[in-house]
């Protein structure tokens, strides 16, 4: 058993603190720093968007059922966020999404099986392929837009218009370096 430094918690073992579920005050920063809060906010926002998409009457039933059963994840949303309407090479899509080509290929294959996207030979370089939205994929994209708009509205209602505006401006300025 490892004892924490005596000046911090005299006689209390690290295992005892971990088992109790109590975060020591000097460790609280790990729960409240900006990166953790942004991560939690992103997960919450994405979960809400997926929930709204699962319950969107205009989403094809098979896709709605996949989303409702948590088969569609925030990772799949990367394609929705990053695939241009004109189509993209897999490498460009992976780069924009900040993913490896292999991970993006896995997502593309899943989305292709679900009828969201299709792949076709690149007319410029036949060795490469271009990923395009299908008609079903375009319906999914429209549902994504409606769901994002609704989630943003709910965020604004939860924190107030002024705070929502400051958060949006701050995140836009911060993310501008990406």
N, C-alpha and C. Protein backbone atom coordinates (compact mmCIF):
# COMPACT_ATOMS: atom_id res chain seq x y z
N UNK A 1 0.84 -1.18 0.00
CA UNK A 1 0.00 0.00 0.00
C UNK A 1 0.88 1.24 0.00
N UNK A 2 0.54 2.19 -0.80
CA UNK A 2 1.31 3.41 -0.93
C UNK A 2 0.65 4.51 -0.11
N UNK A 3 1.42 5.17 0.73
CA UNK A 3 0.89 6.27 1.53
C UNK A 3 1.20 7.58 0.83
N UNK A 4 0.20 8.41 0.72
CA UNK A 4 0.41 9.73 0.12
C UNK A 4 1.35 10.54 1.00
N UNK A 5 1.95 11.52 0.39
CA UNK A 5 2.89 12.35 1.14
C UNK A 5 2.23 12.85 2.42
N UNK A 6 2.97 12.76 3.51
CA UNK A 6 2.40 13.05 4.83
C UNK A 6 1.90 14.48 4.96
N UNK A 7 2.48 15.43 4.24
CA UNK A 7 2.01 16.82 4.37
C UNK A 7 0.70 17.06 3.62
N UNK A 8 0.32 16.14 2.72
CA UNK A 8 -0.92 16.29 1.99
C UNK A 8 -2.06 15.60 2.73
N UNK A 9 -1.92 14.32 2.96
CA UNK A 9 -2.94 13.53 3.66
C UNK A 9 -2.24 12.57 4.62
N UNK A 10 -1.90 13.02 5.80
CA UNK A 10 -1.15 12.17 6.73
C UNK A 10 -1.89 10.87 7.03
N UNK A 11 -1.20 9.75 6.81
CA UNK A 11 -1.73 8.44 7.18
C UNK A 11 -2.82 7.90 6.28
N UNK A 12 -3.16 8.60 5.21
CA UNK A 12 -4.22 8.13 4.33
C UNK A 12 -3.56 7.53 3.09
N UNK A 13 -3.98 6.33 2.75
CA UNK A 13 -3.40 5.67 1.59
C UNK A 13 -4.08 6.14 0.31
N UNK A 14 -3.33 6.06 -0.77
CA UNK A 14 -3.86 6.43 -2.08
C UNK A 14 -5.06 5.55 -2.43
N UNK A 15 -4.98 4.27 -2.08
CA UNK A 15 -6.07 3.34 -2.35
C UNK A 15 -7.35 3.74 -1.61
N UNK A 16 -7.20 4.24 -0.39
CA UNK A 16 -8.37 4.65 0.40
C UNK A 16 -9.07 5.84 -0.25
N UNK A 17 -8.29 6.79 -0.76
CA UNK A 17 -8.89 7.96 -1.41
C UNK A 17 -9.57 7.54 -2.71
N UNK A 18 -8.90 6.70 -3.49
CA UNK A 18 -9.47 6.23 -4.74
C UNK A 18 -10.76 5.46 -4.48
N UNK A 19 -10.75 4.59 -3.50
CA UNK A 19 -11.91 3.76 -3.18
C UNK A 19 -13.08 4.60 -2.68
N UNK A 20 -12.79 5.71 -2.00
CA UNK A 20 -13.86 6.52 -1.43
C UNK A 20 -14.59 7.33 -2.49
N UNK A 21 -13.93 7.55 -3.64
CA UNK A 21 -14.54 8.35 -4.69
C UNK A 21 -14.44 9.84 -4.43
N UNK A 22 -13.78 10.23 -3.37
CA UNK A 22 -13.62 11.64 -3.02
C UNK A 22 -12.37 12.17 -3.69
N UNK A 23 -12.53 13.26 -4.41
CA UNK A 23 -11.38 13.90 -5.06
C UNK A 23 -10.72 14.84 -4.07
N UNK A 24 -9.45 14.61 -3.76
CA UNK A 24 -8.76 15.53 -2.86
C UNK A 24 -8.72 16.94 -3.45
N UNK A 25 -8.79 17.96 -2.63
CA UNK A 25 -8.85 19.35 -3.13
C UNK A 25 -7.70 19.69 -4.08
N UNK A 26 -6.49 19.22 -3.80
CA UNK A 26 -5.36 19.57 -4.66
C UNK A 26 -5.41 18.84 -6.01
N UNK A 27 -6.33 17.92 -6.16
CA UNK A 27 -6.49 17.16 -7.39
C UNK A 27 -7.70 17.63 -8.20
N UNK A 28 -8.47 18.55 -7.66
CA UNK A 28 -9.72 18.99 -8.29
C UNK A 28 -9.50 19.63 -9.66
N UNK A 29 -8.36 20.24 -9.88
CA UNK A 29 -8.10 20.88 -11.17
C UNK A 29 -8.24 19.90 -12.33
N UNK A 30 -7.97 18.62 -12.09
CA UNK A 30 -8.05 17.64 -13.17
C UNK A 30 -9.49 17.41 -13.62
N UNK A 31 -10.45 17.74 -12.76
CA UNK A 31 -11.87 17.57 -13.09
C UNK A 31 -12.48 18.81 -13.73
N UNK A 32 -11.82 19.95 -13.56
CA UNK A 32 -12.45 21.21 -13.97
C UNK A 32 -11.64 22.03 -14.97
N UNK A 33 -10.54 21.49 -15.50
CA UNK A 33 -9.76 22.30 -16.45
C UNK A 33 -10.50 22.42 -17.78
N UNK A 34 -10.12 23.41 -18.54
CA UNK A 34 -10.84 23.76 -19.77
C UNK A 34 -10.92 22.61 -20.76
N UNK A 35 -9.85 21.87 -20.94
CA UNK A 35 -9.87 20.75 -21.88
C UNK A 35 -10.89 19.70 -21.50
N UNK A 36 -10.98 19.39 -20.22
CA UNK A 36 -11.96 18.39 -19.77
C UNK A 36 -13.38 18.92 -19.97
N UNK A 37 -13.60 20.18 -19.64
CA UNK A 37 -14.93 20.77 -19.81
C UNK A 37 -15.32 20.80 -21.29
N UNK A 38 -14.37 21.16 -22.17
CA UNK A 38 -14.66 21.16 -23.60
C UNK A 38 -14.98 19.75 -24.09
N UNK A 39 -14.25 18.76 -23.60
CA UNK A 39 -14.51 17.37 -23.97
C UNK A 39 -15.90 16.92 -23.54
N UNK A 40 -16.26 17.24 -22.29
CA UNK A 40 -17.60 16.88 -21.80
C UNK A 40 -18.69 17.60 -22.61
N UNK A 41 -18.46 18.87 -22.89
CA UNK A 41 -19.45 19.64 -23.65
C UNK A 41 -19.60 19.07 -25.06
N UNK A 42 -18.50 18.70 -25.69
CA UNK A 42 -18.56 18.12 -27.03
C UNK A 42 -19.32 16.81 -27.02
N UNK A 43 -19.01 15.94 -26.06
CA UNK A 43 -19.73 14.66 -25.97
C UNK A 43 -21.22 14.89 -25.75
N UNK A 44 -21.55 15.81 -24.85
CA UNK A 44 -22.96 16.10 -24.57
C UNK A 44 -23.67 16.62 -25.81
N UNK A 45 -23.02 17.54 -26.51
CA UNK A 45 -23.60 18.12 -27.71
C UNK A 45 -23.81 17.05 -28.78
N UNK A 46 -22.77 16.23 -29.02
CA UNK A 46 -22.87 15.18 -30.03
C UNK A 46 -23.94 14.16 -29.67
N UNK A 47 -24.04 13.80 -28.40
CA UNK A 47 -25.08 12.86 -27.97
C UNK A 47 -26.47 13.43 -28.22
N UNK A 48 -26.63 14.71 -27.96
CA UNK A 48 -27.93 15.35 -28.20
C UNK A 48 -28.25 15.37 -29.70
N UNK A 49 -27.26 15.71 -30.52
CA UNK A 49 -27.46 15.73 -31.96
C UNK A 49 -27.86 14.34 -32.45
N UNK A 50 -27.16 13.31 -32.00
CA UNK A 50 -27.50 11.95 -32.41
C UNK A 50 -28.89 11.55 -31.94
N UNK A 51 -29.26 11.95 -30.73
CA UNK A 51 -30.61 11.66 -30.23
C UNK A 51 -31.66 12.32 -31.13
N UNK A 52 -31.44 13.59 -31.45
CA UNK A 52 -32.39 14.30 -32.30
C UNK A 52 -32.47 13.68 -33.69
N UNK A 53 -31.35 13.24 -34.23
CA UNK A 53 -31.34 12.60 -35.53
C UNK A 53 -32.09 11.27 -35.48
N UNK A 54 -31.94 10.54 -34.39
CA UNK A 54 -32.62 9.25 -34.24
C UNK A 54 -34.13 9.42 -34.20
N UNK A 55 -34.58 10.60 -33.79
CA UNK A 55 -36.02 10.85 -33.65
C UNK A 55 -36.56 11.81 -34.72
N UNK A 56 -35.76 12.04 -35.76
CA UNK A 56 -36.17 12.91 -36.85
C UNK A 56 -37.02 12.10 -37.83
N UNK A 57 -38.24 12.53 -38.06
CA UNK A 57 -39.18 11.80 -38.92
C UNK A 57 -38.71 11.74 -40.37
N UNK A 58 -37.80 12.63 -40.77
CA UNK A 58 -37.35 12.65 -42.16
C UNK A 58 -36.11 11.79 -42.40
N UNK A 59 -35.56 11.22 -41.32
CA UNK A 59 -34.43 10.31 -41.48
C UNK A 59 -34.99 8.94 -41.85
N UNK A 60 -34.42 8.29 -42.86
CA UNK A 60 -34.90 6.95 -43.21
C UNK A 60 -34.93 6.04 -41.96
N UNK A 61 -35.97 5.24 -41.86
CA UNK A 61 -36.22 4.43 -40.67
C UNK A 61 -35.03 3.56 -40.27
N UNK A 62 -34.37 2.95 -41.23
CA UNK A 62 -33.24 2.07 -40.91
C UNK A 62 -32.13 2.87 -40.22
N UNK A 63 -31.85 4.08 -40.70
CA UNK A 63 -30.82 4.92 -40.08
C UNK A 63 -31.27 5.43 -38.72
N UNK A 64 -32.53 5.79 -38.62
CA UNK A 64 -33.08 6.24 -37.35
C UNK A 64 -32.94 5.14 -36.30
N UNK A 65 -33.24 3.90 -36.71
CA UNK A 65 -33.11 2.77 -35.79
C UNK A 65 -31.66 2.54 -35.37
N UNK A 66 -30.73 2.67 -36.31
CA UNK A 66 -29.31 2.53 -35.97
C UNK A 66 -28.90 3.58 -34.95
N UNK A 67 -29.32 4.82 -35.18
CA UNK A 67 -28.97 5.90 -34.26
C UNK A 67 -29.62 5.68 -32.90
N UNK A 68 -30.87 5.24 -32.89
CA UNK A 68 -31.58 5.02 -31.63
C UNK A 68 -30.95 3.89 -30.82
N UNK A 69 -30.33 2.92 -31.50
CA UNK A 69 -29.70 1.79 -30.81
C UNK A 69 -28.22 2.06 -30.55
N UNK A 70 -27.80 3.31 -30.68
CA UNK A 70 -26.41 3.72 -30.43
C UNK A 70 -25.41 3.02 -31.33
N UNK A 71 -25.81 2.67 -32.54
CA UNK A 71 -24.89 2.08 -33.50
C UNK A 71 -24.16 3.16 -34.29
N UNK A 72 -24.76 4.33 -34.32
CA UNK A 72 -24.12 5.49 -34.95
C UNK A 72 -23.49 6.29 -33.82
N UNK A 73 -22.20 6.57 -33.97
CA UNK A 73 -21.49 7.28 -32.90
C UNK A 73 -21.03 8.64 -33.39
N UNK A 74 -20.46 9.38 -32.47
CA UNK A 74 -19.91 10.68 -32.84
C UNK A 74 -18.83 10.51 -33.91
N UNK A 75 -18.15 9.38 -33.92
CA UNK A 75 -17.13 9.14 -34.96
C UNK A 75 -17.77 9.14 -36.35
N UNK A 76 -18.96 8.57 -36.47
CA UNK A 76 -19.64 8.55 -37.77
C UNK A 76 -20.04 9.96 -38.20
N UNK A 77 -20.24 10.81 -37.23
CA UNK A 77 -20.60 12.19 -37.55
C UNK A 77 -19.45 12.90 -38.25
N UNK A 78 -18.21 12.39 -38.07
CA UNK A 78 -17.07 13.01 -38.77
C UNK A 78 -17.31 13.05 -40.27
N UNK A 79 -17.89 12.00 -40.81
CA UNK A 79 -18.17 12.01 -42.25
C UNK A 79 -19.20 13.08 -42.56
N UNK A 80 -20.24 13.17 -41.73
CA UNK A 80 -21.28 14.17 -41.94
C UNK A 80 -20.70 15.57 -41.86
N UNK A 81 -19.78 15.79 -40.93
CA UNK A 81 -19.19 17.12 -40.76
C UNK A 81 -18.21 17.48 -41.86
N UNK A 82 -17.49 16.50 -42.37
CA UNK A 82 -16.33 16.82 -43.20
C UNK A 82 -16.43 16.47 -44.68
N UNK A 83 -17.36 15.63 -45.08
CA UNK A 83 -17.48 15.27 -46.49
C UNK A 83 -18.15 16.40 -47.25
N UNK A 84 -17.47 16.91 -48.27
CA UNK A 84 -18.05 18.00 -49.04
C UNK A 84 -19.15 17.47 -49.96
N UNK A 85 -20.01 18.34 -50.38
CA UNK A 85 -21.12 17.94 -51.25
C UNK A 85 -20.65 17.49 -52.62
N UNK A 86 -19.48 17.89 -53.04
CA UNK A 86 -18.93 17.47 -54.34
C UNK A 86 -18.19 16.14 -54.24
N UNK A 87 -17.98 15.64 -53.00
CA UNK A 87 -17.23 14.41 -52.79
C UNK A 87 -15.76 14.70 -52.52
N UNK A 88 -15.10 13.76 -51.87
CA UNK A 88 -13.69 13.94 -51.51
C UNK A 88 -12.94 12.62 -51.58
N UNK A 89 -11.67 12.74 -51.85
CA UNK A 89 -10.80 11.58 -51.71
C UNK A 89 -10.73 11.21 -50.24
N UNK A 90 -10.54 9.94 -50.00
CA UNK A 90 -10.47 9.43 -48.63
C UNK A 90 -9.38 10.13 -47.83
N UNK A 91 -8.22 10.36 -48.44
CA UNK A 91 -7.12 10.98 -47.71
C UNK A 91 -7.47 12.41 -47.28
N UNK A 92 -8.13 13.15 -48.15
CA UNK A 92 -8.54 14.52 -47.82
C UNK A 92 -9.60 14.51 -46.71
N UNK A 93 -10.53 13.58 -46.81
CA UNK A 93 -11.58 13.46 -45.80
C UNK A 93 -10.98 13.11 -44.44
N UNK A 94 -10.07 12.16 -44.42
CA UNK A 94 -9.40 11.76 -43.17
C UNK A 94 -8.62 12.94 -42.58
N UNK A 95 -7.92 13.67 -43.43
CA UNK A 95 -7.13 14.81 -42.96
C UNK A 95 -8.04 15.87 -42.32
N UNK A 96 -9.13 16.22 -42.99
CA UNK A 96 -10.04 17.24 -42.45
C UNK A 96 -10.65 16.79 -41.12
N UNK A 97 -10.90 15.49 -40.99
CA UNK A 97 -11.52 14.97 -39.77
C UNK A 97 -10.49 14.71 -38.67
N UNK A 98 -9.21 14.84 -39.00
CA UNK A 98 -8.17 14.59 -38.00
C UNK A 98 -8.06 13.12 -37.65
N UNK A 99 -8.27 12.26 -38.63
CA UNK A 99 -8.24 10.82 -38.41
C UNK A 99 -7.22 10.18 -39.35
N UNK A 100 -6.82 8.96 -39.01
CA UNK A 100 -5.95 8.22 -39.93
C UNK A 100 -6.78 7.78 -41.13
N UNK A 101 -6.10 7.51 -42.22
CA UNK A 101 -6.78 7.03 -43.43
C UNK A 101 -7.47 5.70 -43.14
N UNK A 102 -6.83 4.84 -42.34
CA UNK A 102 -7.39 3.54 -42.02
C UNK A 102 -8.67 3.67 -41.20
N UNK A 103 -8.66 4.56 -40.21
CA UNK A 103 -9.85 4.76 -39.38
C UNK A 103 -10.99 5.35 -40.21
N UNK A 104 -10.67 6.28 -41.09
CA UNK A 104 -11.70 6.86 -41.95
C UNK A 104 -12.24 5.81 -42.91
N UNK A 105 -11.39 4.94 -43.42
CA UNK A 105 -11.86 3.88 -44.33
C UNK A 105 -12.87 2.98 -43.61
N UNK A 106 -12.62 2.68 -42.34
CA UNK A 106 -13.56 1.87 -41.57
C UNK A 106 -14.91 2.57 -41.47
N UNK A 107 -14.89 3.87 -41.18
CA UNK A 107 -16.14 4.64 -41.09
C UNK A 107 -16.84 4.71 -42.45
N UNK A 108 -16.07 4.92 -43.50
CA UNK A 108 -16.66 5.00 -44.84
C UNK A 108 -17.32 3.68 -45.19
N UNK A 109 -16.67 2.57 -44.89
CA UNK A 109 -17.26 1.26 -45.19
C UNK A 109 -18.57 1.05 -44.43
N UNK A 110 -18.60 1.44 -43.16
CA UNK A 110 -19.84 1.33 -42.38
C UNK A 110 -20.92 2.22 -42.97
N UNK A 111 -20.57 3.45 -43.27
CA UNK A 111 -21.55 4.38 -43.84
C UNK A 111 -21.99 3.94 -45.22
N UNK A 112 -21.10 3.31 -45.96
CA UNK A 112 -21.47 2.79 -47.27
C UNK A 112 -22.46 1.63 -47.11
N UNK A 113 -22.23 0.77 -46.14
CA UNK A 113 -23.15 -0.35 -45.88
C UNK A 113 -24.53 0.16 -45.47
N UNK A 114 -24.56 1.30 -44.80
CA UNK A 114 -25.83 1.88 -44.36
C UNK A 114 -26.49 2.72 -45.45
N UNK A 115 -25.81 2.90 -46.58
CA UNK A 115 -26.38 3.65 -47.68
C UNK A 115 -26.20 5.16 -47.59
N UNK A 116 -25.31 5.61 -46.72
CA UNK A 116 -25.08 7.06 -46.57
C UNK A 116 -24.13 7.61 -47.62
N UNK A 117 -23.12 6.83 -47.97
CA UNK A 117 -22.11 7.28 -48.92
C UNK A 117 -21.86 6.18 -49.94
N UNK A 118 -21.21 6.57 -51.02
CA UNK A 118 -20.75 5.62 -52.01
C UNK A 118 -19.33 6.01 -52.40
N UNK A 119 -18.60 5.06 -52.91
CA UNK A 119 -17.25 5.34 -53.41
C UNK A 119 -17.23 5.08 -54.91
N UNK A 120 -16.49 5.93 -55.59
CA UNK A 120 -16.33 5.78 -57.04
C UNK A 120 -14.87 6.08 -57.38
N UNK A 121 -14.38 5.53 -58.49
CA UNK A 121 -13.00 5.84 -58.88
C UNK A 121 -12.82 7.34 -59.09
N UNK A 122 -11.68 7.84 -58.69
CA UNK A 122 -11.36 9.25 -58.89
C UNK A 122 -11.14 9.46 -60.38
N UNK A 123 -11.88 10.40 -61.01
CA UNK A 123 -11.71 10.62 -62.45
C UNK A 123 -10.33 11.14 -62.82
N UNK A 124 -9.63 11.74 -61.88
CA UNK A 124 -8.29 12.29 -62.14
C UNK A 124 -7.22 11.21 -61.94
N UNK A 125 -7.40 10.37 -60.94
CA UNK A 125 -6.42 9.33 -60.60
C UNK A 125 -7.18 8.04 -60.31
N UNK A 126 -7.22 7.16 -61.25
CA UNK A 126 -7.99 5.92 -61.13
C UNK A 126 -7.56 5.03 -59.98
N UNK A 127 -6.36 5.24 -59.43
CA UNK A 127 -5.91 4.44 -58.28
C UNK A 127 -6.64 4.85 -57.01
N UNK A 128 -7.11 6.07 -56.96
CA UNK A 128 -7.79 6.60 -55.77
C UNK A 128 -9.30 6.51 -55.94
N UNK A 129 -10.00 6.66 -54.84
CA UNK A 129 -11.46 6.70 -54.93
C UNK A 129 -11.96 7.98 -54.28
N UNK A 130 -13.16 8.37 -54.69
CA UNK A 130 -13.81 9.56 -54.14
C UNK A 130 -15.06 9.09 -53.41
N UNK A 131 -15.29 9.67 -52.24
CA UNK A 131 -16.45 9.34 -51.42
C UNK A 131 -17.49 10.43 -51.65
N UNK A 132 -18.74 10.01 -51.92
CA UNK A 132 -19.85 10.92 -52.17
C UNK A 132 -21.02 10.58 -51.25
N UNK A 133 -21.83 11.57 -50.94
CA UNK A 133 -23.11 11.30 -50.28
C UNK A 133 -24.06 10.65 -51.27
N UNK A 134 -24.86 9.70 -50.80
CA UNK A 134 -25.97 9.16 -51.60
C UNK A 134 -27.18 10.05 -51.34
N UNK A 135 -28.28 9.77 -52.00
CA UNK A 135 -29.52 10.51 -51.71
C UNK A 135 -29.91 10.33 -50.25
N UNK A 136 -29.77 9.11 -49.74
CA UNK A 136 -30.06 8.85 -48.32
C UNK A 136 -29.10 9.63 -47.44
N UNK A 137 -27.84 9.69 -47.87
CA UNK A 137 -26.84 10.46 -47.13
C UNK A 137 -27.17 11.94 -47.07
N UNK A 138 -27.73 12.46 -48.15
CA UNK A 138 -28.14 13.87 -48.17
C UNK A 138 -29.32 14.11 -47.22
N UNK A 139 -30.22 13.13 -47.11
CA UNK A 139 -31.30 13.23 -46.11
C UNK A 139 -30.72 13.24 -44.71
N UNK A 140 -29.72 12.39 -44.49
CA UNK A 140 -29.02 12.32 -43.20
C UNK A 140 -28.35 13.65 -42.90
N UNK A 141 -27.70 14.23 -43.90
CA UNK A 141 -27.03 15.52 -43.74
C UNK A 141 -28.03 16.61 -43.38
N UNK A 142 -29.20 16.61 -44.02
CA UNK A 142 -30.23 17.60 -43.69
C UNK A 142 -30.72 17.42 -42.26
N UNK A 143 -30.86 16.16 -41.83
CA UNK A 143 -31.25 15.90 -40.43
C UNK A 143 -30.16 16.36 -39.48
N UNK A 144 -28.92 16.17 -39.88
CA UNK A 144 -27.80 16.64 -39.06
C UNK A 144 -27.87 18.15 -38.89
N UNK A 145 -28.15 18.87 -39.97
CA UNK A 145 -28.25 20.33 -39.89
C UNK A 145 -29.39 20.74 -38.96
N UNK A 146 -30.54 20.11 -39.09
CA UNK A 146 -31.67 20.43 -38.21
C UNK A 146 -31.34 20.12 -36.76
N UNK A 147 -30.67 19.00 -36.54
CA UNK A 147 -30.35 18.58 -35.18
C UNK A 147 -29.31 19.50 -34.54
N UNK A 148 -28.31 19.91 -35.31
CA UNK A 148 -27.31 20.85 -34.80
C UNK A 148 -27.97 22.18 -34.45
N UNK A 149 -28.85 22.66 -35.32
CA UNK A 149 -29.56 23.91 -35.06
C UNK A 149 -30.37 23.80 -33.77
N UNK A 150 -31.08 22.69 -33.59
CA UNK A 150 -31.87 22.47 -32.37
C UNK A 150 -30.98 22.40 -31.13
N UNK A 151 -29.87 21.67 -31.23
CA UNK A 151 -28.95 21.54 -30.08
C UNK A 151 -28.34 22.90 -29.73
N UNK A 152 -28.02 23.70 -30.74
CA UNK A 152 -27.49 25.05 -30.48
C UNK A 152 -28.55 25.93 -29.81
N UNK A 153 -29.80 25.81 -30.24
CA UNK A 153 -30.90 26.56 -29.63
C UNK A 153 -31.05 26.15 -28.17
N UNK A 154 -31.00 24.86 -27.90
CA UNK A 154 -31.11 24.37 -26.52
C UNK A 154 -29.95 24.85 -25.66
N UNK A 155 -28.74 24.88 -26.24
CA UNK A 155 -27.58 25.40 -25.52
C UNK A 155 -27.81 26.86 -25.14
N UNK A 156 -28.28 27.64 -26.10
CA UNK A 156 -28.53 29.06 -25.86
C UNK A 156 -29.59 29.24 -24.77
N UNK A 157 -30.64 28.43 -24.80
CA UNK A 157 -31.68 28.50 -23.77
C UNK A 157 -31.12 28.12 -22.40
N UNK A 158 -30.20 27.18 -22.37
CA UNK A 158 -29.64 26.70 -21.09
C UNK A 158 -28.70 27.72 -20.45
N UNK A 159 -27.89 28.42 -21.26
CA UNK A 159 -26.88 29.31 -20.68
C UNK A 159 -27.19 30.79 -20.89
N UNK A 160 -28.17 31.10 -21.72
CA UNK A 160 -28.51 32.49 -22.02
C UNK A 160 -27.81 32.95 -23.28
N UNK A 161 -28.45 33.91 -23.95
CA UNK A 161 -27.95 34.38 -25.25
C UNK A 161 -26.56 35.01 -25.14
N UNK A 162 -26.35 35.83 -24.11
CA UNK A 162 -25.05 36.50 -23.98
C UNK A 162 -23.92 35.51 -23.77
N UNK A 163 -24.12 34.54 -22.89
CA UNK A 163 -23.08 33.53 -22.63
C UNK A 163 -22.86 32.68 -23.88
N UNK A 164 -23.94 32.29 -24.55
CA UNK A 164 -23.81 31.48 -25.77
C UNK A 164 -23.01 32.22 -26.83
N UNK A 165 -23.25 33.51 -26.96
CA UNK A 165 -22.52 34.32 -27.93
C UNK A 165 -21.05 34.39 -27.58
N UNK A 166 -20.74 34.63 -26.31
CA UNK A 166 -19.34 34.70 -25.87
C UNK A 166 -18.64 33.36 -26.07
N UNK A 167 -19.32 32.27 -25.73
CA UNK A 167 -18.74 30.93 -25.91
C UNK A 167 -18.46 30.70 -27.39
N UNK A 168 -19.42 30.98 -28.25
CA UNK A 168 -19.24 30.76 -29.69
C UNK A 168 -18.09 31.60 -30.23
N UNK A 169 -18.02 32.87 -29.84
CA UNK A 169 -16.93 33.73 -30.31
C UNK A 169 -15.58 33.26 -29.78
N UNK A 170 -15.55 32.89 -28.52
CA UNK A 170 -14.31 32.40 -27.92
C UNK A 170 -13.82 31.12 -28.58
N UNK A 171 -14.73 30.17 -28.80
CA UNK A 171 -14.34 28.92 -29.44
C UNK A 171 -13.92 29.15 -30.88
N UNK A 172 -14.61 30.03 -31.57
CA UNK A 172 -14.24 30.34 -32.95
C UNK A 172 -12.85 30.94 -33.01
N UNK A 173 -12.55 31.86 -32.10
CA UNK A 173 -11.21 32.47 -32.07
C UNK A 173 -10.14 31.44 -31.70
N UNK A 174 -10.45 30.60 -30.73
CA UNK A 174 -9.49 29.59 -30.28
C UNK A 174 -9.25 28.53 -31.35
N UNK A 175 -10.30 28.07 -31.99
CA UNK A 175 -10.20 27.03 -33.00
C UNK A 175 -9.66 27.56 -34.32
N UNK A 176 -9.66 28.87 -34.48
CA UNK A 176 -9.17 29.48 -35.71
C UNK A 176 -7.75 29.10 -36.05
N UNK A 177 -6.98 28.70 -35.05
CA UNK A 177 -5.60 28.29 -35.29
C UNK A 177 -5.48 26.90 -35.87
N UNK A 178 -6.61 26.18 -35.95
CA UNK A 178 -6.55 24.79 -36.47
C UNK A 178 -6.57 24.75 -37.96
